[in-house]
Amino acid sequence: MSITLDAVLLHQIVEIKAISDSTLSLKLLEMGLTKGQKIKAVFKAPFGDPIAYELNGNLISMRKEEAQQIQVAIA
């Protein structure tokens, strides 16, 4: 089952399958988000934007509109 990263429940671990936006893809690659990488949602702001994720022991934050460009599968 494939969903977008913004729809991931808190503390759920997912695997990145694809990034739709090529411009965003380069930015995310520099942050360490690559296909096959495991990522976990750890905090959502009160209105759901931004969202903090744990990736390789680091916390990263991204806006919901960016997270909607990332296809993931439940790990």
N, C-alpha and C. Protein backbone atom coordinates (compact mmCIF):
# COMPACT_ATOMS: atom_id res chain seq x y z
N MET A 1 0.85 -1.18 0.00
CA MET A 1 0.00 0.00 0.00
C MET A 1 0.89 1.24 0.00
N SER A 2 0.65 2.14 -0.92
CA SER A 2 1.45 3.36 -1.03
C SER A 2 0.62 4.57 -0.60
N ILE A 3 1.23 5.41 0.24
CA ILE A 3 0.59 6.64 0.70
C ILE A 3 1.63 7.76 0.59
N THR A 4 1.22 8.98 0.85
CA THR A 4 2.20 10.06 0.85
C THR A 4 2.69 10.29 2.27
N LEU A 5 3.87 10.86 2.40
CA LEU A 5 4.52 11.01 3.69
C LEU A 5 3.70 11.85 4.68
N ASP A 6 2.94 12.80 4.18
CA ASP A 6 2.14 13.64 5.09
C ASP A 6 1.02 12.86 5.77
N ALA A 7 0.63 11.71 5.23
CA ALA A 7 -0.45 10.90 5.78
C ALA A 7 0.02 9.87 6.81
N VAL A 8 1.31 9.80 7.04
CA VAL A 8 1.87 8.82 7.98
C VAL A 8 1.46 9.18 9.41
N LEU A 9 1.06 8.16 10.16
CA LEU A 9 0.69 8.37 11.56
C LEU A 9 1.95 8.61 12.40
N LEU A 10 1.79 9.30 13.51
CA LEU A 10 2.93 9.54 14.40
C LEU A 10 3.53 8.22 14.85
N HIS A 11 4.85 8.14 14.87
CA HIS A 11 5.65 7.00 15.30
C HIS A 11 5.53 5.79 14.38
N GLN A 12 4.94 5.97 13.21
CA GLN A 12 4.86 4.90 12.22
C GLN A 12 6.11 4.96 11.34
N ILE A 13 6.74 3.82 11.13
CA ILE A 13 7.94 3.75 10.29
C ILE A 13 7.52 3.36 8.88
N VAL A 14 7.99 4.13 7.91
CA VAL A 14 7.67 3.87 6.51
C VAL A 14 8.95 3.89 5.68
N GLU A 15 8.85 3.38 4.47
CA GLU A 15 9.99 3.36 3.54
C GLU A 15 9.67 4.25 2.34
N ILE A 16 10.63 5.08 1.97
CA ILE A 16 10.44 6.00 0.84
C ILE A 16 10.47 5.20 -0.46
N LYS A 17 9.44 5.40 -1.29
CA LYS A 17 9.35 4.69 -2.57
C LYS A 17 9.64 5.60 -3.76
N ALA A 18 9.18 6.86 -3.71
CA ALA A 18 9.39 7.77 -4.84
C ALA A 18 9.17 9.21 -4.40
N ILE A 19 9.81 10.13 -5.12
CA ILE A 19 9.62 11.57 -4.90
C ILE A 19 9.14 12.15 -6.22
N SER A 20 7.94 12.75 -6.21
CA SER A 20 7.29 13.22 -7.44
C SER A 20 7.93 14.45 -8.06
N ASP A 21 8.27 15.41 -7.25
CA ASP A 21 8.75 16.71 -7.72
C ASP A 21 10.26 16.68 -7.89
N SER A 22 10.76 16.87 -9.12
CA SER A 22 12.21 16.78 -9.36
C SER A 22 12.98 17.91 -8.69
N THR A 23 12.39 19.09 -8.58
CA THR A 23 13.05 20.21 -7.90
C THR A 23 13.20 19.89 -6.42
N LEU A 24 12.15 19.38 -5.84
CA LEU A 24 12.16 19.00 -4.43
C LEU A 24 13.09 17.80 -4.20
N SER A 25 13.17 16.93 -5.19
CA SER A 25 13.98 15.72 -5.08
C SER A 25 15.43 16.02 -4.73
N LEU A 26 16.01 17.01 -5.38
CA LEU A 26 17.41 17.38 -5.12
C LEU A 26 17.57 17.90 -3.69
N LYS A 27 16.67 18.75 -3.26
CA LYS A 27 16.71 19.28 -1.90
C LYS A 27 16.62 18.15 -0.87
N LEU A 28 15.71 17.21 -1.10
CA LEU A 28 15.53 16.10 -0.16
C LEU A 28 16.73 15.15 -0.18
N LEU A 29 17.31 14.96 -1.35
CA LEU A 29 18.50 14.12 -1.47
C LEU A 29 19.63 14.69 -0.62
N GLU A 30 19.78 16.01 -0.64
CA GLU A 30 20.80 16.66 0.17
C GLU A 30 20.53 16.49 1.66
N MET A 31 19.26 16.30 2.03
CA MET A 31 18.88 16.09 3.43
C MET A 31 18.99 14.62 3.83
N GLY A 32 19.26 13.73 2.87
CA GLY A 32 19.43 12.32 3.17
C GLY A 32 18.23 11.46 2.85
N LEU A 33 17.20 12.02 2.25
CA LEU A 33 16.02 11.24 1.88
C LEU A 33 16.23 10.62 0.51
N THR A 34 16.38 9.32 0.49
CA THR A 34 16.57 8.60 -0.76
C THR A 34 15.61 7.42 -0.81
N LYS A 35 15.38 6.91 -1.99
CA LYS A 35 14.51 5.76 -2.18
C LYS A 35 15.02 4.59 -1.33
N GLY A 36 14.12 3.93 -0.62
CA GLY A 36 14.48 2.80 0.22
C GLY A 36 14.80 3.18 1.66
N GLN A 37 14.95 4.48 1.93
CA GLN A 37 15.27 4.97 3.26
C GLN A 37 14.06 4.82 4.19
N LYS A 38 14.29 4.44 5.44
CA LYS A 38 13.23 4.36 6.44
C LYS A 38 13.12 5.71 7.14
N ILE A 39 11.88 6.14 7.41
CA ILE A 39 11.63 7.43 8.03
C ILE A 39 10.42 7.30 8.96
N LYS A 40 10.43 8.07 10.04
CA LYS A 40 9.35 7.98 11.03
C LYS A 40 8.85 9.38 11.38
N ALA A 41 7.53 9.57 11.37
CA ALA A 41 6.94 10.84 11.79
C ALA A 41 6.99 10.89 13.32
N VAL A 42 7.54 11.99 13.87
CA VAL A 42 7.66 12.07 15.33
C VAL A 42 6.89 13.24 15.95
N PHE A 43 6.54 14.25 15.14
CA PHE A 43 5.82 15.39 15.69
C PHE A 43 5.09 16.14 14.58
N LYS A 44 3.84 16.52 14.87
CA LYS A 44 3.09 17.35 13.94
C LYS A 44 2.68 18.61 14.68
N ALA A 45 2.87 19.75 14.06
CA ALA A 45 2.45 21.01 14.65
C ALA A 45 0.93 20.99 14.85
N PRO A 46 0.42 21.84 15.72
CA PRO A 46 -1.02 21.83 16.02
C PRO A 46 -1.94 21.86 14.80
N PHE A 47 -1.58 22.57 13.76
CA PHE A 47 -2.41 22.62 12.56
C PHE A 47 -1.90 21.67 11.48
N GLY A 48 -0.97 20.77 11.85
CA GLY A 48 -0.47 19.76 10.93
C GLY A 48 0.66 20.20 10.01
N ASP A 49 1.18 21.39 10.23
CA ASP A 49 2.23 21.90 9.34
C ASP A 49 3.16 22.80 10.13
N PRO A 50 4.43 22.56 10.22
CA PRO A 50 5.21 21.51 9.57
C PRO A 50 5.14 20.18 10.35
N ILE A 51 5.81 19.19 9.80
CA ILE A 51 5.88 17.86 10.40
C ILE A 51 7.35 17.52 10.60
N ALA A 52 7.68 16.95 11.76
CA ALA A 52 9.06 16.55 12.05
C ALA A 52 9.18 15.03 11.85
N TYR A 53 10.27 14.63 11.22
CA TYR A 53 10.53 13.22 10.94
C TYR A 53 11.90 12.83 11.48
N GLU A 54 12.02 11.58 11.87
CA GLU A 54 13.32 11.03 12.28
C GLU A 54 13.87 10.22 11.12
N LEU A 55 15.12 10.53 10.74
CA LEU A 55 15.78 9.89 9.63
C LEU A 55 17.23 9.65 10.02
N ASN A 56 17.64 8.41 10.14
CA ASN A 56 19.02 8.07 10.52
C ASN A 56 19.44 8.73 11.83
N GLY A 57 18.55 8.81 12.79
CA GLY A 57 18.87 9.39 14.09
C GLY A 57 18.83 10.91 14.12
N ASN A 58 18.50 11.53 13.01
CA ASN A 58 18.40 12.99 12.93
C ASN A 58 16.94 13.40 12.77
N LEU A 59 16.61 14.60 13.25
CA LEU A 59 15.27 15.14 13.05
C LEU A 59 15.30 16.13 11.90
N ILE A 60 14.35 15.97 11.01
CA ILE A 60 14.19 16.94 9.92
C ILE A 60 12.74 17.41 9.95
N SER A 61 12.53 18.60 9.46
CA SER A 61 11.19 19.16 9.43
C SER A 61 10.86 19.56 8.00
N MET A 62 9.62 19.29 7.60
CA MET A 62 9.20 19.73 6.27
C MET A 62 7.74 20.11 6.28
N ARG A 63 7.40 20.94 5.34
CA ARG A 63 6.02 21.38 5.20
C ARG A 63 5.17 20.26 4.61
N LYS A 64 3.89 20.32 4.91
CA LYS A 64 2.96 19.31 4.43
C LYS A 64 2.97 19.20 2.90
N GLU A 65 3.04 20.35 2.22
CA GLU A 65 3.03 20.33 0.74
C GLU A 65 4.26 19.62 0.18
N GLU A 66 5.39 19.67 0.89
CA GLU A 66 6.58 18.92 0.46
C GLU A 66 6.39 17.43 0.74
N ALA A 67 5.87 17.10 1.92
CA ALA A 67 5.65 15.70 2.30
C ALA A 67 4.64 15.01 1.37
N GLN A 68 3.73 15.77 0.77
CA GLN A 68 2.75 15.20 -0.15
C GLN A 68 3.39 14.75 -1.46
N GLN A 69 4.60 15.17 -1.73
CA GLN A 69 5.31 14.79 -2.95
C GLN A 69 6.10 13.49 -2.80
N ILE A 70 6.10 12.92 -1.59
CA ILE A 70 6.90 11.73 -1.30
C ILE A 70 6.00 10.53 -1.09
N GLN A 71 6.14 9.53 -1.97
CA GLN A 71 5.38 8.29 -1.85
C GLN A 71 6.13 7.34 -0.92
N VAL A 72 5.40 6.75 0.03
CA VAL A 72 6.01 5.83 0.98
C VAL A 72 5.14 4.57 1.11
N ALA A 73 5.74 3.54 1.66
CA ALA A 73 5.02 2.29 1.96
C ALA A 73 5.31 1.95 3.42
N ILE A 74 4.32 1.38 4.07
CA ILE A 74 4.49 1.00 5.47
C ILE A 74 5.52 -0.11 5.56
N ALA A 75 6.52 0.10 6.41
CA ALA A 75 7.65 -0.84 6.52
C ALA A 75 7.27 -2.05 7.36
